[in-house]
């Protein structure tokens, strides 16, 4: 997994690029990044399929706070990001969410 942060000098915004690398064991055809920044919408932030496989998308996020998120593959399989700034238990107690700190 991968997260790239690009802080803007003129605005309190960070362009965050979320990337899921291709894995042979993961033959997903669709992926979304789902989190607090999109009210946990499973359709708001689709990820673009990369030429070498994997997925990527960029989201503008407000700086000075943190956000919980996860990746949704094939509308049924949840993944965390190994490059997240941290992890917190979900409100359901069955797993953990990735956290990004801006």
Protein backbone atom coordinates (compact mmCIF):
# COMPACT_ATOMS: atom_id res chain seq x y z
CA UNK A 1 0.00 0.00 0.00
CA UNK A 2 1.10 3.55 -0.21
CA UNK A 3 0.18 7.07 0.80
CA UNK A 4 1.73 10.22 -0.65
CA UNK A 5 1.00 13.60 0.99
CA UNK A 6 1.44 16.87 -0.92
CA UNK A 7 0.80 19.89 1.31
CA UNK A 8 -0.29 23.06 -0.49
CA UNK A 9 1.46 26.29 0.51
CA UNK A 10 -1.46 28.59 -0.26
CA UNK A 11 -4.35 26.58 1.21
CA UNK A 12 -4.94 24.45 4.33
CA UNK A 13 -5.29 21.42 2.07
CA UNK A 14 -3.22 18.32 1.47
CA UNK A 15 -3.48 16.32 -1.76
CA UNK A 16 -3.33 12.74 -0.56
CA UNK A 17 -2.68 9.99 -3.10
CA UNK A 18 -3.81 6.56 -1.94
CA UNK A 19 -2.25 3.62 -3.82
CA UNK A 20 -2.89 -0.11 -3.71
CA UNK A 21 -0.08 -2.02 -5.44
CA UNK A 22 -0.84 -5.03 -7.61
CA UNK A 23 -0.74 -8.36 -5.79
CA UNK A 24 -1.00 -11.69 -7.51
CA UNK A 25 -3.30 -12.97 -4.79
CA UNK A 26 -5.51 -9.88 -5.18
CA UNK A 27 -7.18 -9.90 -8.58
CA UNK A 28 -9.65 -7.11 -7.74
CA UNK A 29 -11.23 -5.31 -10.65
CA UNK A 30 -12.61 -2.37 -8.64
CA UNK A 31 -11.45 -0.52 -5.53
CA UNK A 32 -12.58 2.48 -3.49
CA UNK A 33 -11.03 4.47 -0.66
CA UNK A 34 -13.65 4.83 2.08
CA UNK A 35 -13.32 6.98 5.17
CA UNK A 36 -14.36 9.83 7.40
CA UNK A 37 -13.53 12.32 4.63
CA UNK A 38 -16.37 10.96 2.45
CA UNK A 39 -18.81 9.94 5.23
CA UNK A 40 -17.80 6.31 4.73
CA UNK A 41 -19.37 6.25 1.26
CA UNK A 42 -18.51 3.04 -0.57
CA UNK A 43 -18.93 4.77 -3.96
CA UNK A 44 -17.69 8.37 -3.51
CA UNK A 45 -13.98 7.79 -4.22
CA UNK A 46 -13.40 5.10 -6.85
CA UNK A 47 -9.77 4.28 -7.50
CA UNK A 48 -8.30 4.26 -10.99
CA UNK A 49 -6.78 1.02 -12.28
CA UNK A 50 -3.06 1.49 -13.00
CA UNK A 51 -1.29 0.17 -16.12
CA UNK A 52 0.93 -2.13 -14.03
CA UNK A 53 -2.04 -3.25 -11.98
CA UNK A 54 -3.09 -1.92 -8.63
CA UNK A 55 -5.16 1.20 -8.01
CA UNK A 56 -4.69 4.88 -7.18
CA UNK A 57 -6.73 7.99 -6.40
CA UNK A 58 -6.03 11.47 -5.06
CA UNK A 59 -8.24 13.23 -2.50
CA UNK A 60 -7.96 16.81 -1.22
CA UNK A 61 -8.13 16.74 2.59
CA UNK A 62 -8.16 19.52 5.18
CA UNK A 63 -4.91 19.77 7.15
CA UNK A 64 -4.59 19.90 10.92
CA UNK A 65 -6.59 16.78 11.62
CA UNK A 66 -6.62 13.02 11.21
CA UNK A 67 -8.93 10.76 9.22
CA UNK A 68 -9.83 7.08 9.53
CA UNK A 69 -10.14 5.11 6.30
CA UNK A 70 -9.97 1.70 4.64
CA UNK A 71 -9.87 0.29 1.12
CA UNK A 72 -12.88 -1.59 -0.25
CA UNK A 73 -12.06 -4.15 -2.96
CA UNK A 74 -14.74 -5.75 -5.12
CA UNK A 75 -17.44 -4.17 -2.90
CA UNK A 76 -16.88 -6.87 -0.26
CA UNK A 77 -13.25 -7.13 0.90
CA UNK A 78 -11.79 -4.52 3.29
CA UNK A 79 -8.05 -3.75 3.49
CA UNK A 80 -5.96 -1.44 5.64
CA UNK A 81 -2.96 0.52 4.41
CA UNK A 82 0.38 -0.73 5.72
CA UNK A 83 1.77 2.82 5.32
CA UNK A 84 -0.93 4.43 7.51
CA UNK A 85 0.14 6.76 10.31
CA UNK A 86 -1.73 4.56 12.79
CA UNK A 87 -4.70 2.27 13.38
CA UNK A 88 -7.81 2.53 15.54
CA UNK A 89 -10.49 -0.06 16.40
CA UNK A 90 -13.71 0.27 14.42
CA UNK A 91 -16.87 1.18 16.34
CA UNK A 92 -18.05 -2.37 15.66
CA UNK A 93 -15.05 -3.91 17.41
CA UNK A 94 -14.44 -6.43 14.64
CA UNK A 95 -11.39 -4.82 12.97
CA UNK A 96 -9.19 -1.74 12.83
CA UNK A 97 -9.24 1.33 10.57
CA UNK A 98 -6.16 2.93 9.02
CA UNK A 99 -5.47 6.52 10.18
CA UNK A 100 -3.83 9.34 8.24
CA UNK A 101 -2.57 12.40 10.15
CA UNK A 102 -2.39 15.72 8.33
